[in-house]
N, C-alpha and C. Protein backbone atom coordinates (compact mmCIF):
# COMPACT_ATOMS: atom_id res chain seq x y z
N UNK A 1 -145.57 -120.68 -57.23
CA UNK A 1 -144.99 -119.53 -56.57
C UNK A 1 -145.85 -119.20 -55.37
N UNK A 2 -145.21 -119.05 -54.19
CA UNK A 2 -146.00 -118.75 -53.00
C UNK A 2 -146.62 -117.37 -53.08
N UNK A 3 -147.81 -117.29 -52.55
CA UNK A 3 -148.55 -116.03 -52.56
C UNK A 3 -148.01 -115.12 -51.46
N UNK A 4 -147.87 -113.85 -51.76
CA UNK A 4 -147.40 -112.90 -50.75
C UNK A 4 -148.48 -112.73 -49.69
N UNK A 5 -148.06 -112.79 -48.44
CA UNK A 5 -149.02 -112.65 -47.34
C UNK A 5 -149.27 -111.19 -47.07
N UNK A 6 -150.39 -110.94 -46.43
CA UNK A 6 -150.66 -109.59 -45.96
C UNK A 6 -149.72 -109.30 -44.79
N UNK A 7 -149.41 -108.03 -44.62
CA UNK A 7 -148.53 -107.64 -43.51
C UNK A 7 -149.34 -107.52 -42.22
N UNK A 8 -150.44 -108.19 -42.16
CA UNK A 8 -151.32 -108.07 -40.98
C UNK A 8 -150.80 -108.93 -39.84
N UNK A 9 -151.18 -108.55 -38.68
CA UNK A 9 -150.84 -109.27 -37.47
C UNK A 9 -152.13 -109.65 -36.82
N UNK A 10 -152.38 -110.71 -36.23
CA UNK A 10 -151.44 -111.71 -35.78
C UNK A 10 -151.12 -112.74 -36.86
N UNK A 11 -150.10 -113.56 -36.60
CA UNK A 11 -149.76 -114.60 -37.57
C UNK A 11 -150.86 -115.66 -37.63
N UNK A 12 -150.75 -116.53 -38.60
CA UNK A 12 -151.74 -117.59 -38.75
C UNK A 12 -151.72 -118.53 -37.54
N UNK A 13 -152.77 -119.27 -37.39
CA UNK A 13 -152.88 -120.21 -36.27
C UNK A 13 -151.75 -121.24 -36.32
N UNK A 14 -151.44 -121.73 -37.50
CA UNK A 14 -150.37 -122.72 -37.63
C UNK A 14 -149.02 -122.13 -37.22
N UNK A 15 -148.75 -120.89 -37.60
CA UNK A 15 -147.50 -120.24 -37.20
C UNK A 15 -147.45 -120.06 -35.68
N UNK A 16 -148.55 -119.65 -35.12
CA UNK A 16 -148.60 -119.46 -33.66
C UNK A 16 -148.40 -120.78 -32.93
N UNK A 17 -148.99 -121.86 -33.44
CA UNK A 17 -148.80 -123.18 -32.82
C UNK A 17 -147.35 -123.63 -32.95
N UNK A 18 -146.75 -123.40 -34.09
CA UNK A 18 -145.35 -123.78 -34.28
C UNK A 18 -144.44 -123.02 -33.33
N UNK A 19 -144.67 -121.73 -33.16
CA UNK A 19 -143.84 -120.95 -32.25
C UNK A 19 -144.09 -121.37 -30.80
N UNK A 20 -145.31 -121.71 -30.44
CA UNK A 20 -145.59 -122.19 -29.09
C UNK A 20 -144.88 -123.52 -28.84
N UNK A 21 -144.91 -124.42 -29.82
CA UNK A 21 -144.21 -125.69 -29.70
C UNK A 21 -142.72 -125.46 -29.55
N UNK A 22 -142.18 -124.53 -30.33
CA UNK A 22 -140.75 -124.20 -30.26
C UNK A 22 -140.40 -123.68 -28.87
N UNK A 23 -141.22 -122.81 -28.33
CA UNK A 23 -140.97 -122.25 -26.99
C UNK A 23 -141.03 -123.34 -25.92
N UNK A 24 -142.02 -124.23 -26.01
CA UNK A 24 -142.12 -125.32 -25.04
C UNK A 24 -140.94 -126.28 -25.15
N UNK A 25 -140.55 -126.60 -26.37
CA UNK A 25 -139.42 -127.50 -26.58
C UNK A 25 -138.13 -126.89 -26.05
N UNK A 26 -137.94 -125.60 -26.28
CA UNK A 26 -136.76 -124.90 -25.77
C UNK A 26 -136.76 -124.91 -24.25
N UNK A 27 -137.92 -124.63 -23.65
CA UNK A 27 -138.02 -124.63 -22.19
C UNK A 27 -137.68 -126.00 -21.61
N UNK A 28 -138.19 -127.05 -22.25
CA UNK A 28 -137.91 -128.41 -21.77
C UNK A 28 -136.42 -128.74 -21.92
N UNK A 29 -135.80 -128.31 -23.01
CA UNK A 29 -134.38 -128.57 -23.20
C UNK A 29 -133.53 -127.82 -22.19
N UNK A 30 -133.90 -126.59 -21.89
CA UNK A 30 -133.17 -125.81 -20.87
C UNK A 30 -133.34 -126.48 -19.51
N UNK A 31 -134.53 -126.93 -19.20
CA UNK A 31 -134.79 -127.60 -17.92
C UNK A 31 -133.94 -128.87 -17.79
N UNK A 32 -133.90 -129.68 -18.86
CA UNK A 32 -133.11 -130.92 -18.83
C UNK A 32 -131.62 -130.63 -18.74
N UNK A 33 -131.19 -129.46 -19.25
CA UNK A 33 -129.76 -129.12 -19.28
C UNK A 33 -129.30 -128.32 -18.06
N UNK A 34 -130.20 -128.09 -17.12
CA UNK A 34 -129.82 -127.25 -15.98
C UNK A 34 -128.59 -127.85 -15.30
N UNK A 35 -127.72 -127.00 -14.85
CA UNK A 35 -126.48 -127.46 -14.25
C UNK A 35 -125.34 -127.54 -15.24
N UNK A 36 -125.62 -127.52 -16.52
CA UNK A 36 -124.60 -127.55 -17.57
C UNK A 36 -124.72 -126.25 -18.36
N UNK A 37 -123.93 -125.27 -17.97
CA UNK A 37 -124.04 -123.93 -18.57
C UNK A 37 -123.80 -123.95 -20.07
N UNK A 38 -122.87 -124.78 -20.54
CA UNK A 38 -122.58 -124.85 -21.98
C UNK A 38 -123.78 -125.39 -22.75
N UNK A 39 -124.44 -126.39 -22.21
CA UNK A 39 -125.61 -126.96 -22.87
C UNK A 39 -126.76 -125.96 -22.90
N UNK A 40 -126.97 -125.24 -21.80
CA UNK A 40 -128.03 -124.23 -21.75
C UNK A 40 -127.74 -123.12 -22.75
N UNK A 41 -126.49 -122.69 -22.82
CA UNK A 41 -126.12 -121.64 -23.78
C UNK A 41 -126.35 -122.13 -25.21
N UNK A 42 -126.00 -123.38 -25.49
CA UNK A 42 -126.22 -123.94 -26.82
C UNK A 42 -127.71 -123.96 -27.18
N UNK A 43 -128.53 -124.41 -26.24
CA UNK A 43 -129.98 -124.48 -26.48
C UNK A 43 -130.55 -123.08 -26.73
N UNK A 44 -130.18 -122.12 -25.88
CA UNK A 44 -130.72 -120.77 -26.03
C UNK A 44 -130.22 -120.09 -27.31
N UNK A 45 -128.94 -120.25 -27.63
CA UNK A 45 -128.41 -119.65 -28.85
C UNK A 45 -129.05 -120.27 -30.09
N UNK A 46 -129.20 -121.58 -30.10
CA UNK A 46 -129.83 -122.26 -31.24
C UNK A 46 -131.29 -121.84 -31.38
N UNK A 47 -131.97 -121.73 -30.25
CA UNK A 47 -133.37 -121.33 -30.28
C UNK A 47 -133.52 -119.90 -30.81
N UNK A 48 -132.65 -119.01 -30.35
CA UNK A 48 -132.69 -117.63 -30.83
C UNK A 48 -132.38 -117.56 -32.32
N UNK A 49 -131.37 -118.29 -32.77
CA UNK A 49 -131.03 -118.30 -34.19
C UNK A 49 -132.17 -118.84 -35.04
N UNK A 50 -132.83 -119.88 -34.56
CA UNK A 50 -133.96 -120.45 -35.30
C UNK A 50 -135.13 -119.47 -35.37
N UNK A 51 -135.43 -118.81 -34.25
CA UNK A 51 -136.51 -117.82 -34.25
C UNK A 51 -136.19 -116.65 -35.19
N UNK A 52 -134.94 -116.20 -35.18
CA UNK A 52 -134.55 -115.12 -36.10
C UNK A 52 -134.59 -115.57 -37.56
N UNK A 53 -134.26 -116.84 -37.80
CA UNK A 53 -134.35 -117.37 -39.16
C UNK A 53 -135.81 -117.37 -39.64
N UNK A 54 -136.71 -117.81 -38.79
CA UNK A 54 -138.14 -117.78 -39.14
C UNK A 54 -138.60 -116.35 -39.39
N UNK A 55 -138.13 -115.41 -38.58
CA UNK A 55 -138.48 -114.01 -38.77
C UNK A 55 -137.97 -113.50 -40.12
N UNK A 56 -136.74 -113.84 -40.47
CA UNK A 56 -136.20 -113.42 -41.78
C UNK A 56 -137.03 -113.99 -42.92
N UNK A 57 -137.43 -115.24 -42.81
CA UNK A 57 -138.22 -115.85 -43.88
C UNK A 57 -139.58 -115.16 -43.99
N UNK A 58 -140.21 -114.89 -42.85
CA UNK A 58 -141.51 -114.18 -42.88
C UNK A 58 -141.36 -112.79 -43.47
N UNK A 59 -140.33 -112.07 -43.07
CA UNK A 59 -140.11 -110.73 -43.62
C UNK A 59 -139.82 -110.79 -45.12
N UNK A 60 -139.07 -111.81 -45.55
CA UNK A 60 -138.78 -111.98 -46.97
C UNK A 60 -140.07 -112.21 -47.76
N UNK A 61 -140.95 -113.06 -47.21
CA UNK A 61 -142.21 -113.35 -47.90
C UNK A 61 -143.10 -112.12 -47.98
N UNK A 62 -143.03 -111.24 -46.99
CA UNK A 62 -143.88 -110.06 -46.97
C UNK A 62 -143.29 -108.88 -47.73
N UNK A 63 -142.01 -108.93 -48.05
CA UNK A 63 -141.35 -107.83 -48.76
C UNK A 63 -141.73 -107.90 -50.23
N UNK A 64 -142.21 -106.80 -50.80
CA UNK A 64 -142.60 -106.80 -52.21
C UNK A 64 -141.39 -107.01 -53.11
N UNK A 65 -141.57 -107.67 -54.24
CA UNK A 65 -140.47 -107.92 -55.17
C UNK A 65 -139.77 -106.64 -55.63
N UNK A 66 -140.46 -105.52 -55.60
CA UNK A 66 -139.85 -104.27 -56.04
C UNK A 66 -138.74 -103.81 -55.09
N UNK A 67 -138.75 -104.27 -53.85
CA UNK A 67 -137.74 -103.90 -52.87
C UNK A 67 -136.60 -104.93 -52.89
N UNK A 68 -135.87 -104.94 -54.01
CA UNK A 68 -134.84 -105.96 -54.23
C UNK A 68 -133.71 -105.88 -53.23
N UNK A 69 -133.34 -104.68 -52.82
CA UNK A 69 -132.22 -104.53 -51.88
C UNK A 69 -132.56 -105.19 -50.54
N UNK A 70 -133.77 -104.96 -50.04
CA UNK A 70 -134.16 -105.57 -48.77
C UNK A 70 -134.26 -107.08 -48.90
N UNK A 71 -134.75 -107.57 -50.03
CA UNK A 71 -134.86 -109.01 -50.23
C UNK A 71 -133.48 -109.66 -50.27
N UNK A 72 -132.50 -109.00 -50.91
CA UNK A 72 -131.12 -109.52 -50.93
C UNK A 72 -130.56 -109.56 -49.51
N UNK A 73 -130.79 -108.50 -48.74
CA UNK A 73 -130.30 -108.44 -47.37
C UNK A 73 -130.92 -109.55 -46.53
N UNK A 74 -132.20 -109.79 -46.70
CA UNK A 74 -132.88 -110.85 -45.94
C UNK A 74 -132.38 -112.23 -46.34
N UNK A 75 -132.09 -112.44 -47.64
CA UNK A 75 -131.52 -113.72 -48.07
C UNK A 75 -130.16 -113.94 -47.41
N UNK A 76 -129.34 -112.88 -47.38
CA UNK A 76 -128.02 -112.99 -46.76
C UNK A 76 -128.15 -113.26 -45.25
N UNK A 77 -129.08 -112.60 -44.59
CA UNK A 77 -129.30 -112.83 -43.16
C UNK A 77 -129.77 -114.26 -42.91
N UNK A 78 -130.66 -114.76 -43.77
CA UNK A 78 -131.14 -116.14 -43.63
C UNK A 78 -129.98 -117.12 -43.81
N UNK A 79 -129.10 -116.84 -44.77
CA UNK A 79 -127.95 -117.72 -44.95
C UNK A 79 -127.05 -117.69 -43.72
N UNK A 80 -126.77 -116.51 -43.20
CA UNK A 80 -125.90 -116.39 -42.04
C UNK A 80 -126.46 -117.15 -40.84
N UNK A 81 -127.76 -117.02 -40.60
CA UNK A 81 -128.38 -117.73 -39.48
C UNK A 81 -128.38 -119.24 -39.70
N UNK A 82 -128.70 -119.67 -40.92
CA UNK A 82 -128.71 -121.12 -41.18
C UNK A 82 -127.29 -121.68 -41.12
N UNK A 83 -126.30 -120.91 -41.56
CA UNK A 83 -124.91 -121.36 -41.46
C UNK A 83 -124.49 -121.49 -40.00
N UNK A 84 -124.89 -120.53 -39.18
CA UNK A 84 -124.56 -120.60 -37.75
C UNK A 84 -125.19 -121.83 -37.10
N UNK A 85 -126.43 -122.10 -37.44
CA UNK A 85 -127.08 -123.30 -36.89
C UNK A 85 -126.39 -124.57 -37.37
N UNK A 86 -126.04 -124.62 -38.65
CA UNK A 86 -125.37 -125.80 -39.20
C UNK A 86 -124.04 -126.05 -38.50
N UNK A 87 -123.25 -125.00 -38.33
CA UNK A 87 -121.94 -125.15 -37.68
C UNK A 87 -122.12 -125.54 -36.21
N UNK A 88 -123.08 -124.94 -35.52
CA UNK A 88 -123.30 -125.27 -34.12
C UNK A 88 -123.68 -126.74 -33.95
N UNK A 89 -124.58 -127.22 -34.77
CA UNK A 89 -125.00 -128.62 -34.65
C UNK A 89 -123.89 -129.56 -35.11
N UNK A 90 -123.14 -129.18 -36.14
CA UNK A 90 -122.03 -130.03 -36.59
C UNK A 90 -120.98 -130.16 -35.48
N UNK A 91 -120.73 -129.08 -34.79
CA UNK A 91 -119.76 -129.10 -33.70
C UNK A 91 -120.20 -130.07 -32.60
N UNK A 92 -121.46 -130.02 -32.25
CA UNK A 92 -121.98 -130.91 -31.21
C UNK A 92 -121.99 -132.37 -31.65
N UNK A 93 -122.40 -132.61 -32.88
CA UNK A 93 -122.51 -133.98 -33.38
C UNK A 93 -121.14 -134.59 -33.63
N UNK A 94 -120.22 -133.81 -34.20
CA UNK A 94 -118.89 -134.33 -34.54
C UNK A 94 -118.12 -134.76 -33.29
N UNK A 95 -118.32 -134.05 -32.18
CA UNK A 95 -117.63 -134.43 -30.93
C UNK A 95 -118.09 -135.79 -30.42
N UNK A 96 -119.32 -136.18 -30.75
CA UNK A 96 -119.86 -137.44 -30.24
C UNK A 96 -119.59 -138.62 -31.16
N UNK A 97 -118.90 -138.38 -32.27
CA UNK A 97 -118.69 -139.44 -33.26
C UNK A 97 -117.22 -139.82 -33.32
N UNK A 98 -116.95 -141.01 -33.89
CA UNK A 98 -115.54 -141.35 -34.14
C UNK A 98 -114.96 -140.39 -35.19
N UNK A 99 -113.65 -140.39 -35.33
CA UNK A 99 -112.97 -139.43 -36.20
C UNK A 99 -113.53 -139.43 -37.62
N UNK A 100 -113.72 -140.59 -38.21
CA UNK A 100 -114.22 -140.65 -39.59
C UNK A 100 -115.63 -140.06 -39.69
N UNK A 101 -116.46 -140.34 -38.71
CA UNK A 101 -117.81 -139.78 -38.70
C UNK A 101 -117.78 -138.28 -38.51
N UNK A 102 -116.90 -137.80 -37.65
CA UNK A 102 -116.77 -136.36 -37.44
C UNK A 102 -116.32 -135.64 -38.69
N UNK A 103 -115.37 -136.23 -39.40
CA UNK A 103 -114.91 -135.64 -40.66
C UNK A 103 -116.06 -135.59 -41.66
N UNK A 104 -116.85 -136.65 -41.73
CA UNK A 104 -117.99 -136.68 -42.63
C UNK A 104 -119.02 -135.62 -42.26
N UNK A 105 -119.29 -135.46 -40.97
CA UNK A 105 -120.24 -134.44 -40.51
C UNK A 105 -119.75 -133.05 -40.92
N UNK A 106 -118.46 -132.77 -40.70
CA UNK A 106 -117.93 -131.45 -41.06
C UNK A 106 -117.92 -131.24 -42.57
N UNK A 107 -117.64 -132.29 -43.33
CA UNK A 107 -117.66 -132.17 -44.80
C UNK A 107 -119.07 -131.87 -45.30
N UNK A 108 -120.05 -132.57 -44.75
CA UNK A 108 -121.43 -132.33 -45.15
C UNK A 108 -121.88 -130.93 -44.73
N UNK A 109 -121.45 -130.48 -43.56
CA UNK A 109 -121.80 -129.14 -43.10
C UNK A 109 -121.18 -128.08 -43.99
N UNK A 110 -119.92 -128.28 -44.37
CA UNK A 110 -119.24 -127.33 -45.24
C UNK A 110 -119.94 -127.26 -46.60
N UNK A 111 -120.34 -128.41 -47.12
CA UNK A 111 -121.05 -128.42 -48.40
C UNK A 111 -122.39 -127.72 -48.29
N UNK A 112 -123.08 -127.92 -47.19
CA UNK A 112 -124.38 -127.26 -46.98
C UNK A 112 -124.22 -125.76 -46.87
N UNK A 113 -123.27 -125.31 -46.07
CA UNK A 113 -123.05 -123.88 -45.89
C UNK A 113 -122.57 -123.24 -47.19
N UNK A 114 -121.64 -123.90 -47.88
CA UNK A 114 -121.15 -123.37 -49.15
C UNK A 114 -122.23 -123.33 -50.22
N UNK A 115 -123.02 -124.39 -50.31
CA UNK A 115 -124.11 -124.40 -51.28
C UNK A 115 -125.17 -123.36 -50.97
N UNK A 116 -125.47 -123.19 -49.70
CA UNK A 116 -126.42 -122.15 -49.31
C UNK A 116 -125.92 -120.76 -49.63
N UNK A 117 -124.63 -120.52 -49.39
CA UNK A 117 -124.04 -119.22 -49.72
C UNK A 117 -124.14 -118.96 -51.22
N UNK A 118 -123.79 -119.97 -52.00
CA UNK A 118 -123.84 -119.80 -53.46
C UNK A 118 -125.27 -119.53 -53.92
N UNK A 119 -126.22 -120.29 -53.40
CA UNK A 119 -127.61 -120.16 -53.85
C UNK A 119 -128.29 -118.90 -53.36
N UNK A 120 -128.02 -118.49 -52.13
CA UNK A 120 -128.76 -117.37 -51.54
C UNK A 120 -128.04 -116.03 -51.66
N UNK A 121 -126.72 -116.03 -51.74
CA UNK A 121 -125.99 -114.78 -51.73
C UNK A 121 -125.34 -114.48 -53.07
N UNK A 122 -124.62 -115.45 -53.63
CA UNK A 122 -123.85 -115.21 -54.85
C UNK A 122 -124.75 -115.17 -56.07
N UNK A 123 -125.52 -116.21 -56.29
CA UNK A 123 -126.34 -116.33 -57.49
C UNK A 123 -127.79 -116.12 -57.12
N UNK A 124 -128.29 -114.94 -57.43
CA UNK A 124 -129.69 -114.70 -57.13
C UNK A 124 -130.56 -114.89 -58.35
N UNK A 125 -129.98 -115.01 -59.54
CA UNK A 125 -130.78 -115.29 -60.74
C UNK A 125 -131.26 -116.73 -60.68
N UNK A 126 -132.53 -116.91 -60.90
CA UNK A 126 -133.08 -118.25 -60.88
C UNK A 126 -133.53 -118.66 -59.49
N UNK A 127 -132.79 -118.32 -58.46
CA UNK A 127 -133.18 -118.64 -57.10
C UNK A 127 -134.27 -117.68 -56.66
N UNK A 128 -134.09 -116.41 -56.99
CA UNK A 128 -135.08 -115.40 -56.65
C UNK A 128 -135.25 -114.49 -57.86
N UNK A 129 -135.75 -115.05 -58.94
CA UNK A 129 -135.87 -114.29 -60.18
C UNK A 129 -136.82 -113.12 -60.06
N UNK A 130 -137.72 -113.15 -59.08
CA UNK A 130 -138.65 -112.03 -58.91
C UNK A 130 -137.93 -110.77 -58.45
N UNK A 131 -136.69 -110.92 -57.98
CA UNK A 131 -135.92 -109.76 -57.52
C UNK A 131 -135.27 -108.98 -58.66
N UNK A 132 -135.12 -109.60 -59.81
CA UNK A 132 -134.41 -108.91 -60.88
C UNK A 132 -135.31 -107.92 -61.59
N UNK A 133 -134.67 -107.00 -62.27
CA UNK A 133 -135.41 -105.97 -63.00
C UNK A 133 -136.26 -106.62 -64.08
N UNK A 134 -137.42 -106.04 -64.40
CA UNK A 134 -138.27 -106.63 -65.44
C UNK A 134 -137.55 -106.82 -66.77
N UNK A 135 -136.66 -105.88 -67.13
CA UNK A 135 -135.95 -106.02 -68.39
C UNK A 135 -135.03 -107.25 -68.37
N UNK A 136 -134.45 -107.57 -67.20
CA UNK A 136 -133.59 -108.75 -67.08
C UNK A 136 -134.42 -110.02 -67.19
N UNK A 137 -135.59 -110.02 -66.57
CA UNK A 137 -136.47 -111.19 -66.66
C UNK A 137 -136.87 -111.42 -68.11
N UNK A 138 -137.23 -110.36 -68.81
CA UNK A 138 -137.62 -110.49 -70.21
C UNK A 138 -136.44 -110.98 -71.05
N UNK A 139 -135.24 -110.45 -70.79
CA UNK A 139 -134.06 -110.88 -71.54
C UNK A 139 -133.77 -112.35 -71.31
N UNK A 140 -133.91 -112.82 -70.07
CA UNK A 140 -133.68 -114.23 -69.77
C UNK A 140 -134.70 -115.10 -70.48
N UNK A 141 -135.96 -114.67 -70.47
CA UNK A 141 -137.00 -115.46 -71.14
C UNK A 141 -136.77 -115.51 -72.64
N UNK A 142 -136.39 -114.37 -73.26
CA UNK A 142 -136.11 -114.36 -74.70
C UNK A 142 -134.94 -115.28 -75.02
N UNK A 143 -133.91 -115.23 -74.19
CA UNK A 143 -132.75 -116.08 -74.42
C UNK A 143 -133.15 -117.55 -74.37
N UNK A 144 -133.91 -117.92 -73.36
CA UNK A 144 -134.32 -119.32 -73.22
C UNK A 144 -135.26 -119.76 -74.34
N UNK A 145 -136.06 -118.84 -74.88
CA UNK A 145 -136.94 -119.20 -75.99
C UNK A 145 -136.14 -119.40 -77.28
N UNK A 146 -135.10 -118.57 -77.50
CA UNK A 146 -134.29 -118.68 -78.72
C UNK A 146 -133.40 -119.90 -78.70
N UNK A 147 -132.89 -120.25 -77.55
CA UNK A 147 -131.94 -121.35 -77.43
C UNK A 147 -132.50 -122.39 -76.49
N UNK A 148 -132.51 -123.62 -76.95
CA UNK A 148 -132.96 -124.69 -76.08
C UNK A 148 -131.78 -125.09 -75.20
N UNK A 149 -131.57 -124.36 -74.13
CA UNK A 149 -130.42 -124.57 -73.25
C UNK A 149 -130.78 -125.41 -72.03
N UNK A 150 -131.45 -126.49 -72.27
CA UNK A 150 -131.80 -127.37 -71.16
C UNK A 150 -130.55 -128.11 -70.71
N UNK A 151 -130.20 -127.95 -69.44
CA UNK A 151 -129.01 -128.59 -68.91
C UNK A 151 -129.30 -129.98 -68.37
N UNK A 152 -130.48 -130.17 -67.85
CA UNK A 152 -130.84 -131.44 -67.25
C UNK A 152 -132.21 -131.87 -67.77
N UNK A 153 -132.52 -133.14 -67.69
CA UNK A 153 -133.84 -133.58 -68.14
C UNK A 153 -134.98 -132.88 -67.40
N UNK A 154 -134.71 -132.32 -66.21
CA UNK A 154 -135.76 -131.66 -65.44
C UNK A 154 -136.10 -130.29 -66.02
N UNK A 155 -135.33 -129.80 -66.98
CA UNK A 155 -135.68 -128.55 -67.63
C UNK A 155 -135.02 -127.31 -67.06
N UNK A 156 -133.89 -127.44 -66.41
CA UNK A 156 -133.19 -126.27 -65.89
C UNK A 156 -132.57 -125.54 -67.07
N UNK A 157 -132.83 -124.26 -67.16
CA UNK A 157 -132.38 -123.46 -68.28
C UNK A 157 -131.16 -122.62 -67.91
N UNK A 158 -130.34 -122.30 -68.92
CA UNK A 158 -129.22 -121.39 -68.74
C UNK A 158 -129.79 -119.99 -68.62
N UNK A 159 -129.28 -119.21 -67.69
CA UNK A 159 -129.76 -117.85 -67.48
C UNK A 159 -129.04 -116.90 -68.43
N UNK A 160 -129.76 -115.95 -68.98
CA UNK A 160 -129.16 -114.94 -69.85
C UNK A 160 -128.33 -113.99 -69.01
N UNK A 161 -127.15 -113.67 -69.49
CA UNK A 161 -126.28 -112.72 -68.80
C UNK A 161 -126.26 -111.44 -69.61
N UNK A 162 -127.18 -110.56 -69.31
CA UNK A 162 -127.28 -109.27 -70.00
C UNK A 162 -126.56 -108.22 -69.17
N UNK A 163 -126.17 -107.15 -69.83
CA UNK A 163 -125.53 -106.03 -69.13
C UNK A 163 -126.51 -105.44 -68.13
N UNK A 164 -126.05 -105.16 -66.93
CA UNK A 164 -126.84 -104.59 -65.83
C UNK A 164 -127.90 -105.51 -65.29
N UNK A 165 -127.81 -106.78 -65.52
CA UNK A 165 -128.79 -107.73 -64.97
C UNK A 165 -128.14 -108.59 -63.93
């Protein structure tokens, strides 16, 4: 389980280097795309969406587990941004491929967006178990101890469905 970071500023050196690389890469892409307004808009919109996605992830990591409402909102925002990036890139890639390849790109994108929605927005048990109430966590653990509900050899357990959990 990742350790919660301090809400201190500035970010770590690695984060600062990653953001500097992102800014330089975006600048180079805009420079190469000059004269093509659609390409420049795509680069800038994708860059903004990626930066906002990183911000959502950082805010999620810094939000205490007790603030479940904010954590749910941040998960939904992260899904929305990642879905927008997936659709934007699928649109660009599918246009450059033959019909069968384009259909495959869109099918894979739809599966990614749908799976992300299910994992981050619909089903928060197990994906972000730290967000649930302590009584729900205890109920899930008791259920898994009483019943060996292993679904896969990797040890994925069935989640307890208690009232108000």
